[in-house]
Amino acid sequence: MTTADKNLLDYIVVCISEFANRNEMHMRDAYIYLKKHKGLDFLKEFYDVEHTLSFDEALDDLAAICRKNGGAA
């Protein structure tokens, strides 16, 4: 695994955890929700930009993407 891959993976794990905390969800449920509503795909595709934002901004972006793809949060 390259350093870039590890950084991406670490960032995604933290985003899942913070998303779960913000939405009072279990981390497993947050992962399933983000996967189903394309939030994880969004993080992978736009990591280069998203990781430069605050977590609040990144979580707002995740919520917007998930809503756009049928989610409720």
PDB file of N, CA and C in Angstrom:
ATOM      1  N   MET A   1       0.850  -1.167   0.000  1.00  0.00           N
ATOM      2  CA  MET A   1       0.000   0.000   0.000  1.00  0.00           C
ATOM      3  C   MET A   1       0.901   1.238   0.000  1.00  0.00           C
ATOM      4  N   THR A   2       0.596   2.164  -0.885  1.00  0.00           N
ATOM      5  CA  THR A   2       1.395   3.380  -0.962  1.00  0.00           C
ATOM      6  C   THR A   2       0.986   4.346   0.157  1.00  0.00           C
ATOM      7  N   THR A   3       1.820   5.331   0.371  1.00  0.00           N
ATOM      8  CA  THR A   3       1.507   6.359   1.370  1.00  0.00           C
ATOM      9  C   THR A   3       0.231   7.101   0.985  1.00  0.00           C
ATOM     10  N   ALA A   4       0.052   7.381  -0.293  1.00  0.00           N
ATOM     11  CA  ALA A   4      -1.152   8.074  -0.762  1.00  0.00           C
ATOM     12  C   ALA A   4      -2.398   7.241  -0.479  1.00  0.00           C
ATOM     13  N   ASP A   5      -2.325   5.935  -0.722  1.00  0.00           N
ATOM     14  CA  ASP A   5      -3.456   5.052  -0.438  1.00  0.00           C
ATOM     15  C   ASP A   5      -3.769   5.029   1.055  1.00  0.00           C
ATOM     16  N   LYS A   6      -2.730   4.972   1.873  1.00  0.00           N
ATOM     17  CA  LYS A   6      -2.929   4.961   3.328  1.00  0.00           C
ATOM     18  C   LYS A   6      -3.558   6.268   3.800  1.00  0.00           C
ATOM     19  N   ASN A   7      -3.091   7.391   3.249  1.00  0.00           N
ATOM     20  CA  ASN A   7      -3.667   8.684   3.615  1.00  0.00           C
ATOM     21  C   ASN A   7      -5.143   8.758   3.247  1.00  0.00           C
ATOM     22  N   LEU A   8      -5.480   8.277   2.058  1.00  0.00           N
ATOM     23  CA  LEU A   8      -6.875   8.263   1.620  1.00  0.00           C
ATOM     24  C   LEU A   8      -7.712   7.385   2.541  1.00  0.00           C
ATOM     25  N   LEU A   9      -7.227   6.198   2.831  1.00  0.00           N
ATOM     26  CA  LEU A   9      -7.951   5.274   3.700  1.00  0.00           C
ATOM     27  C   LEU A   9      -8.148   5.865   5.090  1.00  0.00           C
ATOM     28  N   ASP A  10      -7.102   6.448   5.650  1.00  0.00           N
ATOM     29  CA  ASP A  10      -7.209   7.082   6.971  1.00  0.00           C
ATOM     30  C   ASP A  10      -8.246   8.202   6.952  1.00  0.00           C
ATOM     31  N   TYR A  11      -8.227   9.013   5.913  1.00  0.00           N
ATOM     32  CA  TYR A  11      -9.175  10.120   5.797  1.00  0.00           C
ATOM     33  C   TYR A  11     -10.611   9.604   5.717  1.00  0.00           C
ATOM     34  N   ILE A  12     -10.838   8.573   4.928  1.00  0.00           N
ATOM     35  CA  ILE A  12     -12.182   8.015   4.788  1.00  0.00           C
ATOM     36  C   ILE A  12     -12.670   7.447   6.115  1.00  0.00           C
ATOM     37  N   VAL A  13     -11.814   6.756   6.837  1.00  0.00           N
ATOM     38  CA  VAL A  13     -12.196   6.201   8.137  1.00  0.00           C
ATOM     39  C   VAL A  13     -12.588   7.320   9.104  1.00  0.00           C
ATOM     40  N   VAL A  14     -11.804   8.383   9.128  1.00  0.00           N
ATOM     41  CA  VAL A  14     -12.127   9.503  10.017  1.00  0.00           C
ATOM     42  C   VAL A  14     -13.435  10.157   9.589  1.00  0.00           C
ATOM     43  N   CYS A  15     -13.657  10.315   8.292  1.00  0.00           N
ATOM     44  CA  CYS A  15     -14.909  10.917   7.815  1.00  0.00           C
ATOM     45  C   CYS A  15     -16.114  10.054   8.197  1.00  0.00           C
ATOM     46  N   ILE A  16     -15.987   8.744   8.070  1.00  0.00           N
ATOM     47  CA  ILE A  16     -17.075   7.852   8.469  1.00  0.00           C
ATOM     48  C   ILE A  16     -17.353   8.024   9.957  1.00  0.00           C
ATOM     49  N   SER A  17     -16.315   8.058  10.752  1.00  0.00           N
ATOM     50  CA  SER A  17     -16.468   8.211  12.196  1.00  0.00           C
ATOM     51  C   SER A  17     -17.119   9.547  12.553  1.00  0.00           C
ATOM     52  N   GLU A  18     -16.662  10.618  11.944  1.00  0.00           N
ATOM     53  CA  GLU A  18     -17.225  11.942  12.222  1.00  0.00           C
ATOM     54  C   GLU A  18     -18.661  12.053  11.717  1.00  0.00           C
ATOM     55  N   PHE A  19     -18.947  11.443  10.571  1.00  0.00           N
ATOM     56  CA  PHE A  19     -20.309  11.435  10.039  1.00  0.00           C
ATOM     57  C   PHE A  19     -21.226  10.680  10.999  1.00  0.00           C
ATOM     58  N   ALA A  20     -20.746   9.561  11.513  1.00  0.00           N
ATOM     59  CA  ALA A  20     -21.526   8.775  12.477  1.00  0.00           C
ATOM     60  C   ALA A  20     -21.797   9.601  13.733  1.00  0.00           C
ATOM     61  N   ASN A  21     -20.782  10.264  14.246  1.00  0.00           N
ATOM     62  CA  ASN A  21     -20.956  11.094  15.443  1.00  0.00           C
ATOM     63  C   ASN A  21     -21.952  12.226  15.200  1.00  0.00           C
ATOM     64  N   ARG A  22     -21.799  12.901  14.086  1.00  0.00           N
ATOM     65  CA  ARG A  22     -22.668  14.039  13.782  1.00  0.00           C
ATOM     66  C   ARG A  22     -24.130  13.607  13.672  1.00  0.00           C
ATOM     67  N   ASN A  23     -24.355  12.428  13.118  1.00  0.00           N
ATOM     68  CA  ASN A  23     -25.715  11.954  12.860  1.00  0.00           C
ATOM     69  C   ASN A  23     -26.194  10.935  13.885  1.00  0.00           C
ATOM     70  N   GLU A  24     -25.430  10.797  14.976  1.00  0.00           N
ATOM     71  CA  GLU A  24     -25.774   9.881  16.059  1.00  0.00           C
ATOM     72  C   GLU A  24     -26.095   8.483  15.536  1.00  0.00           C
ATOM     73  N   MET A  25     -25.153   7.966  14.749  1.00  0.00           N
ATOM     74  CA  MET A  25     -25.279   6.643  14.141  1.00  0.00           C
ATOM     75  C   MET A  25     -24.118   5.784  14.624  1.00  0.00           C
ATOM     76  N   HIS A  26     -24.303   4.484  14.548  1.00  0.00           N
ATOM     77  CA  HIS A  26     -23.187   3.561  14.747  1.00  0.00           C
ATOM     78  C   HIS A  26     -22.285   3.683  13.519  1.00  0.00           C
ATOM     79  N   MET A  27     -21.000   3.524  13.710  1.00  0.00           N
ATOM     80  CA  MET A  27     -20.052   3.667  12.610  1.00  0.00           C
ATOM     81  C   MET A  27     -20.366   2.707  11.458  1.00  0.00           C
ATOM     82  N   ARG A  28     -20.791   1.502  11.781  1.00  0.00           N
ATOM     83  CA  ARG A  28     -21.147   0.522  10.747  1.00  0.00           C
ATOM     84  C   ARG A  28     -22.310   1.035   9.905  1.00  0.00           C
ATOM     85  N   ASP A  29     -23.316   1.626  10.571  1.00  0.00           N
ATOM     86  CA  ASP A  29     -24.476   2.162   9.850  1.00  0.00           C
ATOM     87  C   ASP A  29     -24.089   3.356   8.989  1.00  0.00           C
ATOM     88  N   ALA A  30     -23.177   4.181   9.500  1.00  0.00           N
ATOM     89  CA  ALA A  30     -22.699   5.324   8.719  1.00  0.00           C
ATOM     90  C   ALA A  30     -21.981   4.833   7.463  1.00  0.00           C
ATOM     91  N   TYR A  31     -21.159   3.805   7.605  1.00  0.00           N
ATOM     92  CA  TYR A  31     -20.455   3.242   6.445  1.00  0.00           C
ATOM     93  C   TYR A  31     -21.458   2.746   5.399  1.00  0.00           C
ATOM     94  N   ILE A  32     -22.440   1.994   5.840  1.00  0.00           N
ATOM     95  CA  ILE A  32     -23.445   1.444   4.919  1.00  0.00           C
ATOM     96  C   ILE A  32     -24.199   2.576   4.224  1.00  0.00           C
ATOM     97  N   TYR A  33     -24.592   3.590   4.991  1.00  0.00           N
ATOM     98  CA  TYR A  33     -25.319   4.733   4.446  1.00  0.00           C
ATOM     99  C   TYR A  33     -24.461   5.472   3.410  1.00  0.00           C
ATOM    100  N   LEU A  34     -23.227   5.768   3.768  1.00  0.00           N
ATOM    101  CA  LEU A  34     -22.344   6.504   2.855  1.00  0.00           C
ATOM    102  C   LEU A  34     -22.035   5.702   1.598  1.00  0.00           C
ATOM    103  N   LYS A  35     -21.900   4.416   1.738  1.00  0.00           N
ATOM    104  CA  LYS A  35     -21.659   3.566   0.560  1.00  0.00           C
ATOM    105  C   LYS A  35     -22.887   3.551  -0.344  1.00  0.00           C
ATOM    106  N   LYS A  36     -24.054   3.356   0.247  1.00  0.00           N
ATOM    107  CA  LYS A  36     -25.306   3.266  -0.514  1.00  0.00           C
ATOM    108  C   LYS A  36     -25.603   4.558  -1.271  1.00  0.00           C
ATOM    109  N   HIS A  37     -25.307   5.699  -0.656  1.00  0.00           N
ATOM    110  CA  HIS A  37     -25.686   6.982  -1.240  1.00  0.00           C
ATOM    111  C   HIS A  37     -24.504   7.722  -1.866  1.00  0.00           C
ATOM    112  N   LYS A  38     -23.464   6.969  -2.224  1.00  0.00           N
ATOM    113  CA  LYS A  38     -22.322   7.449  -3.010  1.00  0.00           C
ATOM    114  C   LYS A  38     -21.391   8.413  -2.283  1.00  0.00           C
ATOM    115  N   GLY A  39     -21.508   8.516  -0.954  1.00  0.00           N
ATOM    116  CA  GLY A  39     -20.614   9.385  -0.197  1.00  0.00           C
ATOM    117  C   GLY A  39     -19.175   8.913  -0.233  1.00  0.00           C
ATOM    118  N   LEU A  40     -18.968   7.596  -0.153  1.00  0.00           N
ATOM    119  CA  LEU A  40     -17.604   7.065  -0.185  1.00  0.00           C
ATOM    120  C   LEU A  40     -16.975   7.257  -1.565  1.00  0.00           C
ATOM    121  N   ASP A  41     -17.772   7.071  -2.607  1.00  0.00           N
ATOM    122  CA  ASP A  41     -17.267   7.317  -3.964  1.00  0.00           C
ATOM    123  C   ASP A  41     -16.842   8.780  -4.113  1.00  0.00           C
ATOM    124  N   PHE A  42     -17.654   9.672  -3.545  1.00  0.00           N
ATOM    125  CA  PHE A  42     -17.347  11.100  -3.574  1.00  0.00           C
ATOM    126  C   PHE A  42     -16.018  11.390  -2.873  1.00  0.00           C
ATOM    127  N   LEU A  43     -15.821  10.804  -1.694  1.00  0.00           N
ATOM    128  CA  LEU A  43     -14.576  11.033  -0.962  1.00  0.00           C
ATOM    129  C   LEU A  43     -13.368  10.528  -1.737  1.00  0.00           C
ATOM    130  N   LYS A  44     -13.497   9.375  -2.376  1.00  0.00           N
ATOM    131  CA  LYS A  44     -12.392   8.834  -3.170  1.00  0.00           C
ATOM    132  C   LYS A  44     -12.082   9.736  -4.359  1.00  0.00           C
ATOM    133  N   GLU A  45     -13.126  10.173  -5.049  1.00  0.00           N
ATOM    134  CA  GLU A  45     -12.934  10.965  -6.266  1.00  0.00           C
ATOM    135  C   GLU A  45     -12.392  12.365  -5.969  1.00  0.00           C
ATOM    136  N   PHE A  46     -12.861  12.960  -4.879  1.00  0.00           N
ATOM    137  CA  PHE A  46     -12.495  14.349  -4.596  1.00  0.00           C
ATOM    138  C   PHE A  46     -11.629  14.507  -3.353  1.00  0.00           C
ATOM    139  N   TYR A  47     -10.905  13.472  -2.994  1.00  0.00           N
ATOM    140  CA  TYR A  47     -10.019  13.513  -1.833  1.00  0.00           C
ATOM    141  C   TYR A  47      -9.061  14.688  -1.902  1.00  0.00           C
ATOM    142  N   ASP A  48      -8.519  14.936  -3.089  1.00  0.00           N
ATOM    143  CA  ASP A  48      -7.521  15.997  -3.230  1.00  0.00           C
ATOM    144  C   ASP A  48      -8.041  17.357  -2.776  1.00  0.00           C
ATOM    145  N   VAL A  49      -9.334  17.601  -2.909  1.00  0.00           N
ATOM    146  CA  VAL A  49      -9.933  18.856  -2.464  1.00  0.00           C
ATOM    147  C   VAL A  49     -10.495  18.719  -1.054  1.00  0.00           C
ATOM    148  N   GLU A  50     -11.242  17.656  -0.819  1.00  0.00           N
ATOM    149  CA  GLU A  50     -11.958  17.499   0.455  1.00  0.00           C
ATOM    150  C   GLU A  50     -11.026  17.463   1.659  1.00  0.00           C
ATOM    151  N   HIS A  51      -9.863  16.856   1.519  1.00  0.00           N
ATOM    152  CA  HIS A  51      -8.981  16.752   2.687  1.00  0.00           C
ATOM    153  C   HIS A  51      -8.364  18.095   3.075  1.00  0.00           C
ATOM    154  N   THR A  52      -8.502  19.094   2.219  1.00  0.00           N
ATOM    155  CA  THR A  52      -8.000  20.426   2.562  1.00  0.00           C
ATOM    156  C   THR A  52      -9.036  21.254   3.319  1.00  0.00           C
ATOM    157  N   LEU A  53     -10.277  20.768   3.374  1.00  0.00           N
ATOM    158  CA  LEU A  53     -11.360  21.477   4.051  1.00  0.00           C
ATOM    159  C   LEU A  53     -11.433  21.068   5.517  1.00  0.00           C
ATOM    160  N   SER A  54     -12.166  21.849   6.286  1.00  0.00           N
ATOM    161  CA  SER A  54     -12.437  21.452   7.667  1.00  0.00           C
ATOM    162  C   SER A  54     -13.348  20.223   7.632  1.00  0.00           C
ATOM    163  N   PHE A  55     -13.381  19.480   8.745  1.00  0.00           N
ATOM    164  CA  PHE A  55     -14.272  18.327   8.790  1.00  0.00           C
ATOM    165  C   PHE A  55     -15.729  18.764   8.697  1.00  0.00           C
ATOM    166  N   ASP A  56     -16.065  19.905   9.272  1.00  0.00           N
ATOM    167  CA  ASP A  56     -17.446  20.390   9.168  1.00  0.00           C
ATOM    168  C   ASP A  56     -17.836  20.606   7.711  1.00  0.00           C
ATOM    169  N   GLU A  57     -16.953  21.213   6.943  1.00  0.00           N
ATOM    170  CA  GLU A  57     -17.243  21.437   5.522  1.00  0.00           C
ATOM    171  C   GLU A  57     -17.309  20.118   4.760  1.00  0.00           C
ATOM    172  N   ALA A  58     -16.388  19.226   5.050  1.00  0.00           N
ATOM    173  CA  ALA A  58     -16.387  17.923   4.379  1.00  0.00           C
ATOM    174  C   ALA A  58     -17.653  17.136   4.708  1.00  0.00           C
ATOM    175  N   LEU A  59     -18.086  17.184   5.968  1.00  0.00           N
ATOM    176  CA  LEU A  59     -19.304  16.471   6.360  1.00  0.00           C
ATOM    177  C   LEU A  59     -20.532  17.110   5.726  1.00  0.00           C
ATOM    178  N   ASP A  60     -20.540  18.419   5.595  1.00  0.00           N
ATOM    179  CA  ASP A  60     -21.642  19.085   4.893  1.00  0.00           C
ATOM    180  C   ASP A  60     -21.696  18.628   3.436  1.00  0.00           C
ATOM    181  N   ASP A  61     -20.526  18.532   2.797  1.00  0.00           N
ATOM    182  CA  ASP A  61     -20.462  18.051   1.415  1.00  0.00           C
ATOM    183  C   ASP A  61     -20.959  16.614   1.317  1.00  0.00           C
ATOM    184  N   LEU A  62     -20.544  15.768   2.257  1.00  0.00           N
ATOM    185  CA  LEU A  62     -20.999  14.373   2.260  1.00  0.00           C
ATOM    186  C   LEU A  62     -22.518  14.292   2.372  1.00  0.00           C
ATOM    187  N   ALA A  63     -23.078  15.072   3.290  1.00  0.00           N
ATOM    188  CA  ALA A  63     -24.528  15.056   3.488  1.00  0.00           C
ATOM    189  C   ALA A  63     -25.235  15.501   2.199  1.00  0.00           C
ATOM    190  N   ALA A  64     -24.717  16.528   1.549  1.00  0.00           N
ATOM    191  CA  ALA A  64     -25.332  17.026   0.305  1.00  0.00           C
ATOM    192  C   ALA A  64     -25.276  15.970  -0.791  1.00  0.00           C
ATOM    193  N   ILE A  65     -24.142  15.294  -0.928  1.00  0.00           N
ATOM    194  CA  ILE A  65     -24.004  14.242  -1.945  1.00  0.00           C
ATOM    195  C   ILE A  65     -24.967  13.102  -1.654  1.00  0.00           C
ATOM    196  N   CYS A  66     -25.049  12.712  -0.398  1.00  0.00           N
ATOM    197  CA  CYS A  66     -25.952  11.615  -0.037  1.00  0.00           C
ATOM    198  C   CYS A  66     -27.418  11.992  -0.293  1.00  0.00           C
ATOM    199  N   ARG A  67     -27.791  13.226   0.040  1.00  0.00           N
ATOM    200  CA  ARG A  67     -29.173  13.682  -0.242  1.00  0.00           C
ATOM    201  C   ARG A  67     -29.433  13.640  -1.742  1.00  0.00           C
ATOM    202  N   LYS A  68     -28.454  14.086  -2.510  1.00  0.00           N
ATOM    203  CA  LYS A  68     -28.593  14.091  -3.984  1.00  0.00           C
ATOM    204  C   LYS A  68     -28.800  12.683  -4.525  1.00  0.00           C
ATOM    205  N   ASN A  69     -28.274  11.687  -3.802  1.00  0.00           N
ATOM    206  CA  ASN A  69     -28.372  10.292  -4.243  1.00  0.00           C
ATOM    207  C   ASN A  69     -29.385   9.487  -3.436  1.00  0.00           C
ATOM    208  N   GLY A  70     -30.400  10.176  -2.886  1.00  0.00           N
ATOM    209  CA  GLY A  70     -31.513   9.494  -2.246  1.00  0.00           C
ATOM    210  C   GLY A  70     -31.450   9.357  -0.751  1.00  0.00           C
ATOM    211  N   GLY A  71     -30.414   9.890  -0.120  1.00  0.00           N
ATOM    212  CA  GLY A  71     -30.286   9.778   1.327  1.00  0.00           C
ATOM    213  C   GLY A  71     -31.083  10.842   2.065  1.00  0.00           C
ATOM    214  N   ALA A  72     -31.197  10.660   3.359  1.00  0.00           N
ATOM    215  CA  ALA A  72     -31.981  11.576   4.177  1.00  0.00           C
ATOM    216  C   ALA A  72     -31.120  12.531   4.994  1.00  0.00           C
ATOM    217  N   ALA A  73     -29.867  12.180   5.263  1.00  0.00           N
ATOM    218  CA  ALA A  73     -29.020  13.002   6.153  1.00  0.00           C
ATOM    219  C   ALA A  73     -28.334  14.117   5.406  1.00  0.00           C
TER     220      ALA A  73
END
